[in-house]
Each structure stands twice: as structure tokens, then as C-alpha cells.
N, C-alpha and C. Protein backbone atom coordinates (compact mmCIF):
# COMPACT_ATOMS: atom_id res chain seq x y z
N MET A 1 2.87 -2.23 17.37
CA MET A 1 3.20 -1.02 16.62
C MET A 1 2.52 -1.04 15.25
N ARG A 2 2.53 -2.22 14.61
CA ARG A 2 1.90 -2.32 13.29
C ARG A 2 0.42 -2.02 13.38
N SER A 3 -0.21 -2.40 14.50
CA SER A 3 -1.64 -2.13 14.67
C SER A 3 -1.91 -0.64 14.74
N ILE A 4 -1.02 0.11 15.39
CA ILE A 4 -1.17 1.56 15.46
C ILE A 4 -1.04 2.17 14.07
N ALA A 5 -0.04 1.71 13.31
CA ALA A 5 0.14 2.22 11.94
C ALA A 5 -1.06 1.87 11.08
N SER A 6 -1.60 0.68 11.25
CA SER A 6 -2.77 0.27 10.48
C SER A 6 -3.98 1.13 10.82
N LEU A 7 -4.16 1.42 12.10
CA LEU A 7 -5.26 2.26 12.52
C LEU A 7 -5.11 3.67 11.97
N ALA A 8 -3.90 4.22 12.03
CA ALA A 8 -3.66 5.56 11.51
C ALA A 8 -3.95 5.62 10.01
N PHE A 9 -3.52 4.60 9.28
CA PHE A 9 -3.77 4.56 7.84
C PHE A 9 -5.26 4.47 7.56
N CYS A 10 -5.95 3.66 8.33
CA CYS A 10 -7.40 3.51 8.14
C CYS A 10 -8.10 4.84 8.37
N VAL A 11 -7.73 5.57 9.42
CA VAL A 11 -8.32 6.88 9.69
C VAL A 11 -7.99 7.85 8.56
N ALA A 12 -6.73 7.81 8.08
CA ALA A 12 -6.33 8.70 6.99
C ALA A 12 -7.15 8.44 5.73
N LEU A 13 -7.40 7.18 5.43
CA LEU A 13 -8.18 6.85 4.23
C LEU A 13 -9.64 7.26 4.37
N THR A 14 -10.11 7.35 5.60
CA THR A 14 -11.51 7.72 5.79
C THR A 14 -11.68 9.22 6.01
N GLY A 15 -10.61 9.98 5.80
CA GLY A 15 -10.75 11.42 5.82
C GLY A 15 -10.30 12.11 7.09
N GLY A 16 -9.49 11.47 7.90
CA GLY A 16 -9.00 12.11 9.12
C GLY A 16 -8.16 13.33 8.78
N GLN A 17 -8.55 14.49 9.31
CA GLN A 17 -7.88 15.75 8.98
C GLN A 17 -6.54 15.90 9.70
N ALA A 18 -6.27 15.09 10.73
CA ALA A 18 -5.02 15.21 11.47
C ALA A 18 -3.85 14.64 10.67
N PHE A 19 -4.12 13.95 9.61
CA PHE A 19 -3.08 13.30 8.82
C PHE A 19 -2.86 14.07 7.52
N ALA A 20 -1.66 13.92 6.97
CA ALA A 20 -1.32 14.58 5.71
C ALA A 20 -2.22 14.06 4.60
N ALA A 21 -2.51 14.94 3.66
CA ALA A 21 -3.29 14.54 2.49
C ALA A 21 -2.44 13.60 1.64
N CYS A 22 -3.10 12.85 0.82
CA CYS A 22 -2.35 11.94 -0.04
C CYS A 22 -2.96 11.91 -1.44
N ASN A 23 -2.16 11.41 -2.36
CA ASN A 23 -2.60 11.25 -3.73
C ASN A 23 -2.99 9.78 -3.90
N SER A 24 -4.22 9.51 -4.23
CA SER A 24 -4.67 8.13 -4.39
C SER A 24 -4.71 7.71 -5.85
N ASP A 25 -4.23 8.58 -6.75
CA ASP A 25 -4.26 8.27 -8.18
C ASP A 25 -2.88 7.93 -8.76
N LEU A 26 -1.80 8.41 -8.13
CA LEU A 26 -0.46 8.24 -8.69
C LEU A 26 -0.04 6.77 -8.73
N LEU A 27 -0.35 6.04 -7.68
CA LEU A 27 -0.06 4.60 -7.62
C LEU A 27 -1.35 3.84 -7.41
N SER A 28 -1.43 2.68 -8.02
CA SER A 28 -2.57 1.80 -7.78
C SER A 28 -2.04 0.38 -7.60
N ILE A 29 -2.87 -0.45 -7.03
CA ILE A 29 -2.50 -1.85 -6.83
C ILE A 29 -3.07 -2.63 -8.00
N ALA A 30 -2.18 -3.13 -8.86
CA ALA A 30 -2.61 -3.88 -10.05
C ALA A 30 -3.02 -5.30 -9.69
N GLU A 31 -2.33 -5.87 -8.70
CA GLU A 31 -2.60 -7.26 -8.29
C GLU A 31 -2.03 -7.47 -6.90
N TRP A 32 -2.57 -8.44 -6.20
CA TRP A 32 -2.03 -8.82 -4.90
C TRP A 32 -2.33 -10.28 -4.64
N SER A 33 -1.53 -10.86 -3.77
CA SER A 33 -1.77 -12.23 -3.32
C SER A 33 -1.25 -12.37 -1.91
N ALA A 34 -1.79 -13.33 -1.19
CA ALA A 34 -1.36 -13.61 0.18
C ALA A 34 -1.32 -15.12 0.38
N ARG A 35 -0.28 -15.55 1.09
CA ARG A 35 -0.18 -16.98 1.40
C ARG A 35 0.51 -17.15 2.73
N SER A 36 0.20 -18.24 3.38
CA SER A 36 0.81 -18.54 4.67
C SER A 36 2.19 -19.16 4.43
N LEU A 37 3.20 -18.61 5.09
CA LEU A 37 4.55 -19.19 5.00
C LEU A 37 4.75 -20.24 6.08
N ASP A 38 4.20 -19.97 7.26
CA ASP A 38 4.27 -20.89 8.39
C ASP A 38 3.18 -20.50 9.38
N ASP A 39 3.24 -21.01 10.59
CA ASP A 39 2.20 -20.72 11.58
C ASP A 39 2.20 -19.28 12.07
N GLN A 40 3.25 -18.53 11.77
CA GLN A 40 3.37 -17.18 12.30
C GLN A 40 3.48 -16.09 11.24
N THR A 41 3.65 -16.47 9.97
CA THR A 41 3.97 -15.48 8.94
C THR A 41 3.11 -15.62 7.69
N ILE A 42 2.66 -14.47 7.19
CA ILE A 42 1.95 -14.38 5.91
C ILE A 42 2.84 -13.63 4.93
N GLU A 43 2.95 -14.14 3.72
CA GLU A 43 3.66 -13.42 2.66
C GLU A 43 2.62 -12.74 1.77
N VAL A 44 2.77 -11.43 1.61
CA VAL A 44 1.87 -10.66 0.77
C VAL A 44 2.66 -10.08 -0.40
N ALA A 45 2.26 -10.41 -1.61
CA ALA A 45 2.89 -9.87 -2.82
C ALA A 45 1.96 -8.82 -3.40
N ILE A 46 2.52 -7.65 -3.67
CA ILE A 46 1.73 -6.52 -4.18
C ILE A 46 2.37 -5.98 -5.44
N THR A 47 1.62 -5.95 -6.53
CA THR A 47 2.10 -5.35 -7.77
C THR A 47 1.55 -3.94 -7.85
N VAL A 48 2.47 -2.97 -7.88
CA VAL A 48 2.13 -1.55 -7.87
C VAL A 48 2.25 -1.01 -9.29
N ARG A 49 1.25 -0.25 -9.72
CA ARG A 49 1.27 0.39 -11.05
C ARG A 49 1.39 1.90 -10.86
N SER A 50 2.34 2.50 -11.57
CA SER A 50 2.54 3.94 -11.50
C SER A 50 1.84 4.64 -12.66
N GLN A 51 1.24 5.77 -12.37
CA GLN A 51 0.66 6.63 -13.41
C GLN A 51 1.59 7.79 -13.73
N ALA A 52 2.74 7.83 -13.06
CA ALA A 52 3.70 8.94 -13.23
C ALA A 52 4.35 8.88 -14.61
N GLU A 53 4.61 10.05 -15.16
CA GLU A 53 5.26 10.17 -16.46
C GLU A 53 6.77 9.92 -16.36
N LYS A 54 7.31 10.00 -15.13
CA LYS A 54 8.75 9.81 -14.90
C LYS A 54 8.96 8.63 -13.95
N PRO A 55 10.13 7.98 -14.03
CA PRO A 55 10.43 6.91 -13.08
C PRO A 55 10.52 7.45 -11.66
N ILE A 56 10.05 6.66 -10.72
CA ILE A 56 10.10 7.01 -9.30
C ILE A 56 11.25 6.26 -8.66
N ARG A 57 12.08 6.98 -7.87
CA ARG A 57 13.19 6.32 -7.18
C ARG A 57 13.02 6.29 -5.67
N MET A 58 12.08 7.06 -5.13
CA MET A 58 11.79 7.04 -3.70
C MET A 58 10.33 7.40 -3.51
N VAL A 59 9.70 6.72 -2.56
CA VAL A 59 8.26 6.95 -2.37
C VAL A 59 7.92 6.90 -0.87
N ALA A 60 7.06 7.81 -0.46
CA ALA A 60 6.45 7.78 0.87
C ALA A 60 4.98 7.46 0.62
N ALA A 61 4.60 6.21 0.84
CA ALA A 61 3.25 5.78 0.50
C ALA A 61 2.85 4.58 1.35
N GLU A 62 1.55 4.42 1.49
CA GLU A 62 0.98 3.31 2.23
C GLU A 62 -0.07 2.62 1.36
N PHE A 63 -0.42 1.42 1.74
CA PHE A 63 -1.49 0.70 1.07
C PHE A 63 -2.35 0.04 2.13
N GLY A 64 -3.61 -0.18 1.78
CA GLY A 64 -4.52 -0.79 2.74
C GLY A 64 -5.52 -1.72 2.07
N PHE A 65 -5.96 -2.69 2.84
CA PHE A 65 -6.95 -3.67 2.40
C PHE A 65 -8.23 -3.45 3.20
N LYS A 66 -9.37 -3.42 2.51
CA LYS A 66 -10.68 -3.34 3.15
C LYS A 66 -11.55 -4.48 2.64
N ASP A 67 -12.45 -4.94 3.49
CA ASP A 67 -13.35 -6.01 3.07
C ASP A 67 -14.54 -5.44 2.29
N ALA A 68 -15.41 -6.30 1.83
CA ALA A 68 -16.54 -5.89 0.99
C ALA A 68 -17.50 -4.93 1.68
N LEU A 69 -17.45 -4.87 3.00
CA LEU A 69 -18.31 -3.95 3.75
C LEU A 69 -17.55 -2.70 4.19
N GLY A 70 -16.32 -2.54 3.70
CA GLY A 70 -15.53 -1.36 4.02
C GLY A 70 -14.74 -1.44 5.31
N GLY A 71 -14.73 -2.62 5.93
CA GLY A 71 -13.99 -2.80 7.18
C GLY A 71 -12.50 -2.98 6.95
N HIS A 72 -11.71 -2.47 7.87
CA HIS A 72 -10.25 -2.57 7.79
C HIS A 72 -9.81 -4.03 7.92
N VAL A 73 -8.93 -4.47 7.03
CA VAL A 73 -8.35 -5.81 7.09
C VAL A 73 -6.87 -5.71 7.45
N ALA A 74 -6.13 -4.87 6.72
CA ALA A 74 -4.69 -4.73 6.97
C ALA A 74 -4.19 -3.48 6.26
N ALA A 75 -3.03 -2.98 6.69
CA ALA A 75 -2.39 -1.84 6.04
C ALA A 75 -0.90 -1.86 6.36
N ASP A 76 -0.12 -1.25 5.50
CA ASP A 76 1.33 -1.19 5.69
C ASP A 76 1.87 -0.09 4.79
N SER A 77 3.13 0.22 4.95
CA SER A 77 3.76 1.21 4.09
C SER A 77 4.66 0.51 3.07
N PHE A 78 4.85 1.15 1.94
CA PHE A 78 5.78 0.65 0.94
C PHE A 78 7.20 0.95 1.39
N ASP A 79 8.14 0.17 0.95
CA ASP A 79 9.55 0.44 1.18
C ASP A 79 9.86 1.80 0.54
N ARG A 80 10.48 2.71 1.28
CA ARG A 80 10.74 4.07 0.76
C ARG A 80 11.62 4.04 -0.49
N ASP A 81 12.50 3.07 -0.61
CA ASP A 81 13.41 3.00 -1.75
C ASP A 81 12.87 2.16 -2.90
N LEU A 82 11.57 1.94 -2.91
CA LEU A 82 10.93 1.23 -4.01
C LEU A 82 11.07 2.05 -5.29
N THR A 83 11.64 1.46 -6.32
CA THR A 83 11.77 2.15 -7.61
C THR A 83 10.71 1.61 -8.56
N ILE A 84 10.06 2.53 -9.26
CA ILE A 84 8.97 2.15 -10.15
C ILE A 84 9.17 2.84 -11.49
N PRO A 85 9.19 2.10 -12.59
CA PRO A 85 9.35 2.73 -13.90
C PRO A 85 8.17 3.64 -14.25
N ALA A 86 8.41 4.61 -15.10
CA ALA A 86 7.34 5.50 -15.57
C ALA A 86 6.24 4.66 -16.22
N LYS A 87 5.01 4.89 -15.77
CA LYS A 87 3.83 4.16 -16.30
C LYS A 87 4.00 2.65 -16.22
N GLY A 88 4.88 2.18 -15.32
CA GLY A 88 5.17 0.75 -15.22
C GLY A 88 4.71 0.14 -13.92
N THR A 89 5.07 -1.11 -13.73
CA THR A 89 4.71 -1.84 -12.52
C THR A 89 5.94 -2.46 -11.88
N VAL A 90 5.81 -2.72 -10.60
CA VAL A 90 6.83 -3.43 -9.85
C VAL A 90 6.12 -4.25 -8.77
N THR A 91 6.66 -5.41 -8.45
CA THR A 91 6.06 -6.25 -7.42
C THR A 91 6.96 -6.23 -6.19
N THR A 92 6.34 -6.03 -5.05
CA THR A 92 7.06 -6.02 -3.78
C THR A 92 6.47 -7.09 -2.88
N ILE A 93 7.32 -7.66 -2.03
CA ILE A 93 6.90 -8.72 -1.11
C ILE A 93 7.00 -8.21 0.32
N LYS A 94 5.97 -8.45 1.11
CA LYS A 94 5.96 -8.10 2.53
C LYS A 94 5.68 -9.37 3.33
N ASN A 95 6.38 -9.55 4.43
CA ASN A 95 6.09 -10.63 5.36
C ASN A 95 5.43 -10.04 6.58
N TRP A 96 4.23 -10.49 6.87
CA TRP A 96 3.43 -9.98 7.97
C TRP A 96 3.21 -11.06 9.01
N PRO A 97 2.98 -10.65 10.25
CA PRO A 97 2.63 -11.63 11.28
C PRO A 97 1.23 -12.19 11.02
N MET A 98 0.93 -13.30 11.59
CA MET A 98 -0.37 -13.95 11.40
C MET A 98 -1.52 -13.10 11.93
N THR A 99 -1.23 -11.93 12.49
CA THR A 99 -2.26 -11.00 12.97
C THR A 99 -3.24 -10.65 11.85
N PHE A 100 -2.77 -10.66 10.61
CA PHE A 100 -3.60 -10.30 9.47
C PHE A 100 -4.12 -11.53 8.72
N GLU A 101 -4.33 -12.63 9.45
CA GLU A 101 -4.75 -13.89 8.82
C GLU A 101 -6.09 -13.79 8.10
N ARG A 102 -6.90 -12.81 8.45
CA ARG A 102 -8.20 -12.65 7.77
C ARG A 102 -8.01 -12.47 6.27
N LEU A 103 -6.89 -11.89 5.88
CA LEU A 103 -6.60 -11.70 4.46
C LEU A 103 -6.54 -13.04 3.73
N LEU A 104 -6.16 -14.09 4.44
CA LEU A 104 -6.10 -15.43 3.85
C LEU A 104 -7.49 -16.06 3.74
N LYS A 105 -8.41 -15.64 4.58
CA LYS A 105 -9.74 -16.24 4.63
C LYS A 105 -10.72 -15.62 3.64
N LEU A 106 -10.54 -14.34 3.34
CA LEU A 106 -11.47 -13.64 2.45
C LEU A 106 -11.27 -14.06 1.00
N LYS A 107 -12.36 -14.04 0.25
CA LYS A 107 -12.26 -14.28 -1.19
C LYS A 107 -11.60 -13.05 -1.82
N HIS A 108 -10.82 -13.28 -2.86
CA HIS A 108 -10.07 -12.19 -3.50
C HIS A 108 -10.98 -11.04 -3.93
N ASP A 109 -12.16 -11.38 -4.45
CA ASP A 109 -13.07 -10.33 -4.92
C ASP A 109 -13.83 -9.63 -3.78
N GLU A 110 -13.62 -10.06 -2.53
CA GLU A 110 -14.22 -9.41 -1.37
C GLU A 110 -13.27 -8.37 -0.75
N VAL A 111 -12.12 -8.17 -1.38
CA VAL A 111 -11.11 -7.29 -0.82
C VAL A 111 -10.81 -6.15 -1.79
N ALA A 112 -10.84 -4.93 -1.28
CA ALA A 112 -10.45 -3.75 -2.06
C ALA A 112 -9.11 -3.26 -1.51
N VAL A 113 -8.19 -2.95 -2.42
CA VAL A 113 -6.87 -2.47 -2.03
C VAL A 113 -6.68 -1.07 -2.58
N SER A 114 -6.15 -0.19 -1.74
CA SER A 114 -5.90 1.18 -2.19
C SER A 114 -4.51 1.61 -1.77
N ALA A 115 -4.00 2.61 -2.47
CA ALA A 115 -2.69 3.19 -2.17
C ALA A 115 -2.87 4.66 -1.85
N CYS A 116 -2.03 5.15 -0.96
CA CYS A 116 -2.06 6.54 -0.52
C CYS A 116 -0.62 7.07 -0.58
N VAL A 117 -0.35 8.00 -1.50
CA VAL A 117 1.01 8.51 -1.71
C VAL A 117 1.14 9.89 -1.07
N TYR A 118 2.14 10.03 -0.20
CA TYR A 118 2.40 11.31 0.47
C TYR A 118 3.47 12.11 -0.27
N GLY A 119 4.38 11.42 -0.95
CA GLY A 119 5.42 12.11 -1.69
C GLY A 119 6.27 11.14 -2.50
N VAL A 120 6.91 11.67 -3.53
CA VAL A 120 7.80 10.88 -4.37
C VAL A 120 9.02 11.72 -4.76
N VAL A 121 10.11 11.02 -5.01
CA VAL A 121 11.27 11.63 -5.64
C VAL A 121 11.44 10.88 -6.96
N TYR A 122 11.47 11.65 -8.04
CA TYR A 122 11.61 11.05 -9.36
C TYR A 122 13.08 10.82 -9.69
N GLU A 123 13.33 10.01 -10.68
CA GLU A 123 14.69 9.68 -11.09
C GLU A 123 15.50 10.92 -11.47
N ASP A 124 14.85 11.95 -11.98
CA ASP A 124 15.55 13.17 -12.37
C ASP A 124 15.84 14.09 -11.18
N GLY A 125 15.46 13.66 -9.97
CA GLY A 125 15.74 14.43 -8.77
C GLY A 125 14.62 15.35 -8.31
N THR A 126 13.60 15.53 -9.13
CA THR A 126 12.49 16.38 -8.71
C THR A 126 11.66 15.67 -7.65
N LYS A 127 11.08 16.46 -6.78
CA LYS A 127 10.31 15.93 -5.66
C LYS A 127 8.88 16.47 -5.74
N GLU A 128 7.95 15.63 -5.40
CA GLU A 128 6.53 16.02 -5.36
C GLU A 128 5.94 15.52 -4.06
N GLU A 129 5.33 16.44 -3.30
CA GLU A 129 4.69 16.08 -2.04
C GLU A 129 3.22 16.45 -2.11
N PHE A 130 2.40 15.68 -1.43
CA PHE A 130 0.97 15.90 -1.44
C PHE A 130 0.53 16.26 -0.03
N LYS A 131 0.10 17.51 0.14
CA LYS A 131 -0.27 18.02 1.48
C LYS A 131 -1.66 18.57 1.48
């Protein structure tokens, strides 16, 4: 199932019209790291930076990793209840299966990470969707 979601995200990032539009400027990946927890699990830590003027209390967004040649490495969605301060950062941890072990093999500077935001709910209750 994760492979299907990763493929869909990859197509969306490359301009697939069948998918909802997204905002690639509202959130960015400030930092990331990956390490092996055991023979079956990778821990990925992602620090997300918000450009929003208001705190975010709910988000519909995905992130993806591409190699230096633009090839898909991995992708996943953020926890919908991720809260992010206005113009601030937050770090989230994801545990992935060893299916994405290539992320451990690549040099950090050979990997580009991007975020794709479909919608947010701000702390004041206002909602913004990107279609």
C-alpha cells in the first residue's frame, strides 16, 4: 500500500493532472535524517518549517525524497494532526519498512526533499485548501 501512495505522490509532484494541486511553498523540509533501527525498520526524522503567518493545527500534506538524478526514493504523508507554530518548525518521526533502505545508502547532499500541502486548518479555525 505504501508503494502505491509513494507512486501517486511521485506522479503528483511531476505534474499529474489527476491529482489535486498542492502548495509547495507553505511548508518546507528544514532538515532530515534516517537511521536503521533494526533489520526491518528505518527511522526518518523530518524537521518541517512553516511559512504560514498563523499556527497550523491540522495539515493534509505529503513529503517526498528524490535522488540527485530526480529519481523517486521515498514518500509519505505527514500526520494530519501535526501542529506547527507560525513561521516555526517542528520535528516529526516516521518509522518505515526497510523497503526504503536506499535512503540510508545515499549521501545527504544527493537527496532533495520536498513537501506538497493540499490543505491546512489554522489555530484560529480558518481553513485553506489548494486545488
